[in-house]
Amino acid sequence: MLPKFSIDYICLPKHNKRVFTHLTDDPVEAEDFLMHLLAVGSRIVEIRHEGIPLKGHQADKMLKVAAERVAGLLLRESLDIDGSEVKSRFALAA
């Protein structure tokens, strides 16, 4: 059985070309992993759902949600505010 989500990525893309794959059946874990990849500057090569590569809007939507969550976390920490204030002031998920 195929894992529900597969994320291919490159750690330290300026120094490395090796592609790693993260496998999970949990969509929340997939989003959390994308957040981590965005935060550390890893190269995201491909996102697959049930073995089929996500293209265009589908992949962009997952990446946008992950990026908004990263931005929300950074704002919470930097401004020492809670998640509801991040949402109301910046319209970002926290």
Protein backbone atom coordinates (compact mmCIF):
# COMPACT_ATOMS: atom_id res chain seq x y z
CA MET A 1 0.00 0.00 0.00
CA LEU A 2 1.32 3.43 -0.95
CA PRO A 3 1.77 6.04 1.74
CA LYS A 4 -0.79 8.81 1.45
CA PHE A 5 1.84 11.58 1.17
CA SER A 6 5.42 11.44 -0.15
CA ILE A 7 7.64 14.51 -0.04
CA ASP A 8 10.93 14.48 -1.96
CA TYR A 9 13.46 17.04 -0.73
CA ILE A 10 17.15 17.95 -0.74
CA CYS A 11 18.90 18.95 2.48
CA LEU A 12 21.45 21.73 2.08
CA PRO A 13 20.78 22.14 -1.66
CA LYS A 14 23.83 24.37 -2.20
CA HIS A 15 26.12 21.54 -1.09
CA ASN A 16 24.19 18.39 -1.84
CA LYS A 17 22.18 16.80 -4.66
CA ARG A 18 20.91 13.72 -2.81
CA VAL A 19 17.12 13.47 -2.75
CA PHE A 20 15.45 12.17 0.41
CA THR A 21 11.81 11.12 0.75
CA HIS A 22 9.53 11.63 3.73
CA LEU A 23 6.54 9.26 3.84
CA THR A 24 3.41 9.70 5.92
CA ASP A 25 -0.28 8.85 5.93
CA ASP A 26 -1.14 11.87 8.09
CA PRO A 27 -1.91 15.13 6.23
CA VAL A 28 -1.10 17.21 9.32
CA GLU A 29 2.30 15.56 9.63
CA ALA A 30 2.93 16.23 5.92
CA GLU A 31 2.12 19.91 6.47
CA ASP A 32 4.35 20.05 9.57
CA PHE A 33 7.19 18.48 7.61
CA LEU A 34 6.75 21.03 4.81
CA MET A 35 6.92 23.77 7.46
CA HIS A 36 10.22 22.36 8.67
CA LEU A 37 11.62 22.17 5.13
CA LEU A 38 10.62 25.79 4.45
CA ALA A 39 12.08 27.00 7.75
CA VAL A 40 15.49 25.41 7.18
CA GLY A 41 15.75 26.23 3.48
CA SER A 42 15.65 22.72 2.07
CA ARG A 43 14.73 22.25 -1.59
CA ILE A 44 11.28 20.71 -2.05
CA VAL A 45 11.51 18.59 -5.17
CA GLU A 46 8.05 17.01 -5.35
CA ILE A 47 4.95 16.33 -3.28
CA ARG A 48 2.93 13.23 -4.10
CA HIS A 49 -0.50 12.16 -2.86
CA GLU A 50 -1.12 8.43 -3.12
CA GLY A 51 1.73 8.16 -5.61
CA ILE A 52 0.48 10.92 -7.93
CA PRO A 53 2.56 14.12 -8.09
CA LEU A 54 0.66 17.21 -6.99
CA LYS A 55 0.83 19.87 -9.66
CA GLY A 56 0.00 23.53 -9.80
CA HIS A 57 -2.74 24.66 -7.46
CA GLN A 58 -2.77 21.52 -5.29
CA ALA A 59 0.93 21.69 -4.41
CA ASP A 60 0.82 25.47 -4.11
CA LYS A 61 -2.06 25.28 -1.64
CA MET A 62 -0.15 22.87 0.65
CA LEU A 63 2.98 25.03 0.45
CA LYS A 64 1.03 28.24 1.09
CA VAL A 65 -0.58 26.84 4.23
CA ALA A 66 2.81 25.62 5.50
CA ALA A 67 4.45 28.98 4.73
CA GLU A 68 1.66 30.90 6.48
CA ARG A 69 2.01 28.69 9.55
CA VAL A 70 5.78 29.29 9.62
CA ALA A 71 5.22 33.05 9.29
CA GLY A 72 2.60 32.94 12.05
CA LEU A 73 4.97 31.09 14.38
CA LEU A 74 7.77 33.55 13.69
CA LEU A 75 5.48 36.52 14.39
CA ARG A 76 4.21 34.93 17.62
CA GLU A 77 7.73 34.41 18.86
CA SER A 78 9.18 37.71 17.68
CA LEU A 79 6.33 39.91 18.89
CA ASP A 80 5.43 37.79 21.93
CA ILE A 81 1.76 37.63 20.97
CA ASP A 82 -0.74 34.79 20.94
CA GLY A 83 -2.18 32.97 17.96
CA SER A 84 -5.48 34.85 17.94
CA GLU A 85 -3.66 38.19 17.73
CA VAL A 86 -1.52 36.91 14.84
CA LYS A 87 -4.69 35.87 13.07
CA SER A 88 -6.49 39.17 13.64
CA ARG A 89 -3.51 41.47 12.94
CA PHE A 90 -1.86 39.62 10.07
CA ALA A 91 -4.58 37.23 8.81
CA LEU A 92 -2.20 34.29 9.18
CA ALA A 93 -2.78 30.88 10.66
CA ALA A 94 -1.12 30.49 14.00
